[in-house]
Amino acid sequence: MANYLLVYMGGGMADTPEGQAKQMEAWGAWFGGMGEAVVDGGNPCGPSKTVASNGSVRDGGGAGIGGYSVIKANSLDEAAKLAKGCPVLAGGGSVEVYETFNAM
């Protein structure tokens, strides 16, 4: 069983406290439904900087990442199937799924 990085792109938070609470309930239900497959629920991402190979630094990143989580699954296809329930999709966002591996 491998770990998979879920990268949340786009979407957004509701404008009202009631809407935000509903979104958080959806996230809790999704994570709860995945059970032990959740390795790290992750966090939202905030402002970023990009460091180039020449050492220059600029504000912002190129990808617009909204957050991440780490799950475990038997295959990339299984991880993608689990990602289909992600609440970010309801807000028009997407989820990128990457297999991770130990390099050392």
C-alpha atoms as a PDB file:
ATOM      1  CA  MET A   1       0.000   0.000   0.000  1.00  0.00           C
ATOM      2  CA  ALA A   2       1.434   3.364  -1.040  1.00  0.00           C
ATOM      3  CA  ASN A   3       0.809   6.938   0.062  1.00  0.00           C
ATOM      4  CA  TYR A   4      -0.806   9.418  -2.306  1.00  0.00           C
ATOM      5  CA  LEU A   5      -0.698  13.194  -2.180  1.00  0.00           C
ATOM      6  CA  LEU A   6      -4.009  14.896  -2.932  1.00  0.00           C
ATOM      7  CA  VAL A   7      -3.495  18.473  -4.098  1.00  0.00           C
ATOM      8  CA  TYR A   8      -6.580  20.676  -4.057  1.00  0.00           C
ATOM      9  CA  MET A   9      -6.855  23.225  -6.849  1.00  0.00           C
ATOM     10  CA  GLY A  10      -9.437  25.998  -7.002  1.00  0.00           C
ATOM     11  CA  GLY A  11     -12.756  25.935  -5.227  1.00  0.00           C
ATOM     12  CA  GLY A  12     -13.230  28.274  -2.296  1.00  0.00           C
ATOM     13  CA  MET A  13     -14.948  28.912   1.002  1.00  0.00           C
ATOM     14  CA  ALA A  14     -18.568  29.952   1.312  1.00  0.00           C
ATOM     15  CA  ASP A  15     -19.300  33.592   2.121  1.00  0.00           C
ATOM     16  CA  THR A  16     -21.461  32.975   5.193  1.00  0.00           C
ATOM     17  CA  PRO A  17     -20.653  31.272   8.499  1.00  0.00           C
ATOM     18  CA  GLU A  18     -23.523  28.848   7.849  1.00  0.00           C
ATOM     19  CA  GLY A  19     -22.135  27.965   4.422  1.00  0.00           C
ATOM     20  CA  GLN A  20     -18.639  27.551   5.843  1.00  0.00           C
ATOM     21  CA  ALA A  21     -19.956  25.248   8.578  1.00  0.00           C
ATOM     22  CA  LYS A  22     -21.722  23.156   5.934  1.00  0.00           C
ATOM     23  CA  GLN A  23     -18.490  22.891   3.933  1.00  0.00           C
ATOM     24  CA  MET A  24     -16.523  21.848   7.021  1.00  0.00           C
ATOM     25  CA  GLU A  25     -19.155  19.186   7.762  1.00  0.00           C
ATOM     26  CA  ALA A  26     -18.708  17.868   4.207  1.00  0.00           C
ATOM     27  CA  TRP A  27     -14.928  17.660   4.705  1.00  0.00           C
ATOM     28  CA  GLY A  28     -15.396  15.867   8.030  1.00  0.00           C
ATOM     29  CA  ALA A  29     -17.812  13.380   6.479  1.00  0.00           C
ATOM     30  CA  TRP A  30     -15.470  12.720   3.548  1.00  0.00           C
ATOM     31  CA  PHE A  31     -12.442  12.159   5.781  1.00  0.00           C
ATOM     32  CA  GLY A  32     -14.554  10.020   8.126  1.00  0.00           C
ATOM     33  CA  GLY A  33     -15.757   7.908   5.210  1.00  0.00           C
ATOM     34  CA  MET A  34     -12.180   7.176   4.157  1.00  0.00           C
ATOM     35  CA  GLY A  35     -11.319   5.966   7.672  1.00  0.00           C
ATOM     36  CA  GLU A  36      -7.797   4.585   8.035  1.00  0.00           C
ATOM     37  CA  ALA A  37      -6.925   5.553   4.446  1.00  0.00           C
ATOM     38  CA  VAL A  38      -6.300   9.094   5.751  1.00  0.00           C
ATOM     39  CA  VAL A  39      -2.606   9.387   6.631  1.00  0.00           C
ATOM     40  CA  ASP A  40      -2.559  13.187   7.062  1.00  0.00           C
ATOM     41  CA  GLY A  41      -5.686  15.295   6.658  1.00  0.00           C
ATOM     42  CA  GLY A  42      -3.409  18.128   5.570  1.00  0.00           C
ATOM     43  CA  ASN A  43      -4.146  21.829   5.610  1.00  0.00           C
ATOM     44  CA  PRO A  44      -5.162  24.699   3.374  1.00  0.00           C
ATOM     45  CA  CYS A  45      -2.346  26.618   1.709  1.00  0.00           C
ATOM     46  CA  GLY A  46      -1.901  30.371   2.018  1.00  0.00           C
ATOM     47  CA  PRO A  47       0.293  32.937   0.304  1.00  0.00           C
ATOM     48  CA  SER A  48       3.347  31.579  -1.486  1.00  0.00           C
ATOM     49  CA  LYS A  49       6.675  32.561  -2.981  1.00  0.00           C
ATOM     50  CA  THR A  50       8.478  30.949  -5.905  1.00  0.00           C
ATOM     51  CA  VAL A  51      12.247  30.489  -5.756  1.00  0.00           C
ATOM     52  CA  ALA A  52      13.888  30.111  -9.183  1.00  0.00           C
ATOM     53  CA  SER A  53      17.063  28.198 -10.020  1.00  0.00           C
ATOM     54  CA  ASN A  54      18.951  31.505 -10.277  1.00  0.00           C
ATOM     55  CA  GLY A  55      17.986  32.353  -6.675  1.00  0.00           C
ATOM     56  CA  SER A  56      15.429  35.012  -7.554  1.00  0.00           C
ATOM     57  CA  VAL A  57      12.222  35.058  -5.508  1.00  0.00           C
ATOM     58  CA  ARG A  58       8.796  36.226  -6.631  1.00  0.00           C
ATOM     59  CA  ASP A  59       5.430  36.366  -4.928  1.00  0.00           C
ATOM     60  CA  GLY A  60       2.937  33.648  -5.744  1.00  0.00           C
ATOM     61  CA  GLY A  61       3.196  30.180  -7.146  1.00  0.00           C
ATOM     62  CA  GLY A  62       2.313  28.974 -10.583  1.00  0.00           C
ATOM     63  CA  ALA A  63      -0.172  26.308  -9.576  1.00  0.00           C
ATOM     64  CA  GLY A  64      -2.666  28.021  -7.276  1.00  0.00           C
ATOM     65  CA  ILE A  65      -2.720  25.179  -4.748  1.00  0.00           C
ATOM     66  CA  GLY A  66      -5.532  25.465  -2.217  1.00  0.00           C
ATOM     67  CA  GLY A  67      -4.446  22.668   0.126  1.00  0.00           C
ATOM     68  CA  TYR A  68      -3.350  19.065   0.431  1.00  0.00           C
ATOM     69  CA  SER A  69      -3.955  15.732   2.157  1.00  0.00           C
ATOM     70  CA  VAL A  70      -2.119  12.410   2.204  1.00  0.00           C
ATOM     71  CA  ILE A  71      -4.000   9.121   1.911  1.00  0.00           C
ATOM     72  CA  LYS A  72      -2.980   5.495   1.485  1.00  0.00           C
ATOM     73  CA  ALA A  73      -4.402   3.205  -1.166  1.00  0.00           C
ATOM     74  CA  ASN A  74      -3.542   0.032  -3.072  1.00  0.00           C
ATOM     75  CA  SER A  75      -3.153   1.852  -6.402  1.00  0.00           C
ATOM     76  CA  LEU A  76      -3.261   5.232  -8.101  1.00  0.00           C
ATOM     77  CA  ASP A  77      -6.669   4.313  -9.512  1.00  0.00           C
ATOM     78  CA  GLU A  78      -7.987   3.532  -6.016  1.00  0.00           C
ATOM     79  CA  ALA A  79      -6.608   6.835  -4.693  1.00  0.00           C
ATOM     80  CA  ALA A  80      -8.293   8.707  -7.562  1.00  0.00           C
ATOM     81  CA  LYS A  81     -11.564   6.939  -6.771  1.00  0.00           C
ATOM     82  CA  LEU A  82     -11.317   8.104  -3.140  1.00  0.00           C
ATOM     83  CA  ALA A  83     -10.577  11.647  -4.366  1.00  0.00           C
ATOM     84  CA  LYS A  84     -13.867  11.702  -6.303  1.00  0.00           C
ATOM     85  CA  GLY A  85     -15.682  12.365  -3.020  1.00  0.00           C
ATOM     86  CA  CYS A  86     -13.628  15.452  -2.164  1.00  0.00           C
ATOM     87  CA  PRO A  87     -15.754  18.484  -1.203  1.00  0.00           C
ATOM     88  CA  VAL A  88     -13.526  20.849  -3.208  1.00  0.00           C
ATOM     89  CA  LEU A  89     -15.117  19.387  -6.348  1.00  0.00           C
ATOM     90  CA  ALA A  90     -18.543  20.759  -5.333  1.00  0.00           C
ATOM     91  CA  GLY A  91     -17.043  24.272  -5.416  1.00  0.00           C
ATOM     92  CA  GLY A  92     -15.715  23.880  -8.966  1.00  0.00           C
ATOM     93  CA  GLY A  93     -12.197  22.881  -7.903  1.00  0.00           C
ATOM     94  CA  SER A  94     -10.179  19.820  -8.821  1.00  0.00           C
ATOM     95  CA  VAL A  95      -7.960  17.285  -7.090  1.00  0.00           C
ATOM     96  CA  GLU A  96      -4.593  16.179  -8.418  1.00  0.00           C
ATOM     97  CA  VAL A  97      -3.493  12.754  -7.177  1.00  0.00           C
ATOM     98  CA  TYR A  98       0.204  11.851  -6.968  1.00  0.00           C
ATOM     99  CA  GLU A  99       1.819   8.637  -5.763  1.00  0.00           C
ATOM    100  CA  THR A 100       4.613   9.295  -3.301  1.00  0.00           C
ATOM    101  CA  PHE A 101       7.578   7.067  -2.547  1.00  0.00           C
ATOM    102  CA  ASN A 102      10.513   6.957  -0.171  1.00  0.00           C
ATOM    103  CA  ALA A 103      13.615   8.211  -1.906  1.00  0.00           C
ATOM    104  CA  MET A 104      15.985   7.448   0.950  1.00  0.00           C
END
